[in-house]
C-alpha atoms as a PDB file:
ATOM      1  CA  UNK A   1      -1.852  50.356 -84.152  1.00  0.00           C
ATOM      2  CA  UNK A   2      -2.981  47.123 -85.853  1.00  0.00           C
ATOM      3  CA  UNK A   3      -3.697  44.080 -83.723  1.00  0.00           C
ATOM      4  CA  UNK A   4      -3.001  40.532 -84.958  1.00  0.00           C
ATOM      5  CA  UNK A   5      -4.628  37.426 -83.505  1.00  0.00           C
ATOM      6  CA  UNK A   6      -3.122  33.998 -84.266  1.00  0.00           C
ATOM      7  CA  UNK A   7      -5.322  30.925 -83.843  1.00  0.00           C
ATOM      8  CA  UNK A   8      -3.561  27.535 -83.923  1.00  0.00           C
ATOM      9  CA  UNK A   9      -5.666  24.363 -84.199  1.00  0.00           C
ATOM     10  CA  UNK A  10      -6.074  20.877 -85.649  1.00  0.00           C
ATOM     11  CA  UNK A  11      -9.234  19.782 -87.447  1.00  0.00           C
ATOM     12  CA  UNK A  12     -10.706  17.724 -90.237  1.00  0.00           C
ATOM     13  CA  UNK A  13     -13.257  20.493 -90.915  1.00  0.00           C
ATOM     14  CA  UNK A  14     -11.052  23.416 -91.964  1.00  0.00           C
ATOM     15  CA  UNK A  15     -13.403  24.762 -94.638  1.00  0.00           C
ATOM     16  CA  UNK A  16     -16.292  24.886 -92.168  1.00  0.00           C
ATOM     17  CA  UNK A  17     -14.180  26.648 -89.525  1.00  0.00           C
ATOM     18  CA  UNK A  18     -12.914  29.192 -92.064  1.00  0.00           C
ATOM     19  CA  UNK A  19     -16.464  29.941 -93.240  1.00  0.00           C
ATOM     20  CA  UNK A  20     -17.703  30.351 -89.649  1.00  0.00           C
ATOM     21  CA  UNK A  21     -14.839  32.689 -88.736  1.00  0.00           C
ATOM     22  CA  UNK A  22     -15.524  34.872 -91.762  1.00  0.00           C
ATOM     23  CA  UNK A  23     -19.289  34.947 -91.250  1.00  0.00           C
ATOM     24  CA  UNK A  24     -18.924  35.531 -87.508  1.00  0.00           C
ATOM     25  CA  UNK A  25     -16.692  38.542 -88.111  1.00  0.00           C
ATOM     26  CA  UNK A  26     -19.124  39.939 -90.685  1.00  0.00           C
ATOM     27  CA  UNK A  27     -22.380  39.578 -88.698  1.00  0.00           C
ATOM     28  CA  UNK A  28     -22.422  43.245 -87.745  1.00  0.00           C
ATOM     29  CA  UNK A  29     -22.309  44.349 -91.396  1.00  0.00           C
ATOM     30  CA  UNK A  30     -18.861  45.404 -92.525  1.00  0.00           C
ATOM     31  CA  UNK A  31     -16.117  43.017 -91.437  1.00  0.00           C
ATOM     32  CA  UNK A  32     -14.340  44.133 -88.292  1.00  0.00           C
ATOM     33  CA  UNK A  33     -11.099  42.587 -89.526  1.00  0.00           C
ATOM     34  CA  UNK A  34      -8.659  43.936 -92.103  1.00  0.00           C
ATOM     35  CA  UNK A  35      -7.350  40.545 -93.178  1.00  0.00           C
ATOM     36  CA  UNK A  36      -8.134  36.900 -92.425  1.00  0.00           C
ATOM     37  CA  UNK A  37      -5.871  34.121 -93.729  1.00  0.00           C
ATOM     38  CA  UNK A  38      -6.054  30.395 -93.039  1.00  0.00           C
ATOM     39  CA  UNK A  39      -2.809  28.469 -93.496  1.00  0.00           C
ATOM     40  CA  UNK A  40      -2.168  24.721 -93.493  1.00  0.00           C
ATOM     41  CA  UNK A  41       0.874  22.785 -92.310  1.00  0.00           C
ATOM     42  CA  UNK A  42       2.260  20.816 -95.258  1.00  0.00           C
ATOM     43  CA  UNK A  43       3.686  18.119 -92.967  1.00  0.00           C
ATOM     44  CA  UNK A  44       0.471  17.668 -90.968  1.00  0.00           C
ATOM     45  CA  UNK A  45      -2.649  18.259 -93.092  1.00  0.00           C
ATOM     46  CA  UNK A  46      -4.857  18.518 -89.952  1.00  0.00           C
ATOM     47  CA  UNK A  47      -2.840  21.430 -88.493  1.00  0.00           C
ATOM     48  CA  UNK A  48      -3.963  24.971 -89.359  1.00  0.00           C
ATOM     49  CA  UNK A  49      -3.129  28.500 -88.276  1.00  0.00           C
ATOM     50  CA  UNK A  50      -5.574  31.325 -88.893  1.00  0.00           C
ATOM     51  CA  UNK A  51      -4.174  34.849 -88.795  1.00  0.00           C
ATOM     52  CA  UNK A  52      -6.639  37.690 -88.289  1.00  0.00           C
ATOM     53  CA  UNK A  53      -5.577  41.338 -88.540  1.00  0.00           C
ATOM     54  CA  UNK A  54      -7.724  44.061 -86.973  1.00  0.00           C
ATOM     55  CA  UNK A  55      -7.265  47.822 -87.362  1.00  0.00           C
ATOM     56  CA  UNK A  56      -6.750  47.991 -83.580  1.00  0.00           C
ATOM     57  CA  UNK A  57      -7.356  46.012 -80.402  1.00  0.00           C
ATOM     58  CA  UNK A  58     -10.540  48.051 -80.020  1.00  0.00           C
ATOM     59  CA  UNK A  59     -11.643  46.941 -83.506  1.00  0.00           C
ATOM     60  CA  UNK A  60     -11.277  43.281 -82.505  1.00  0.00           C
ATOM     61  CA  UNK A  61     -13.734  43.591 -79.660  1.00  0.00           C
ATOM     62  CA  UNK A  62     -16.055  46.056 -81.337  1.00  0.00           C
ATOM     63  CA  UNK A  63     -16.016  48.148 -78.184  1.00  0.00           C
ATOM     64  CA  UNK A  64     -13.729  50.456 -76.310  1.00  0.00           C
ATOM     65  CA  UNK A  65     -11.047  48.920 -74.129  1.00  0.00           C
ATOM     66  CA  UNK A  66     -10.053  50.314 -70.740  1.00  0.00           C
ATOM     67  CA  UNK A  67      -6.759  52.181 -70.641  1.00  0.00           C
ATOM     68  CA  UNK A  68      -3.749  49.980 -69.947  1.00  0.00           C
ATOM     69  CA  UNK A  69      -0.305  50.868 -68.646  1.00  0.00           C
END
């Protein structure tokens, strides 16, 4: 099952943050994420939401997760 992480933040350095998120996810070779989108609030140009989709929760961490009930 896909896992989606939503990151909500305010910054004046959105391009730098976006580049770091993408490069950080790709350090191990192939990207561990399926999709990464950065969105901007039209009413507040400093407010951003980045949405990252992973193939699974396990894919997000790059390691196996313990079983959960």
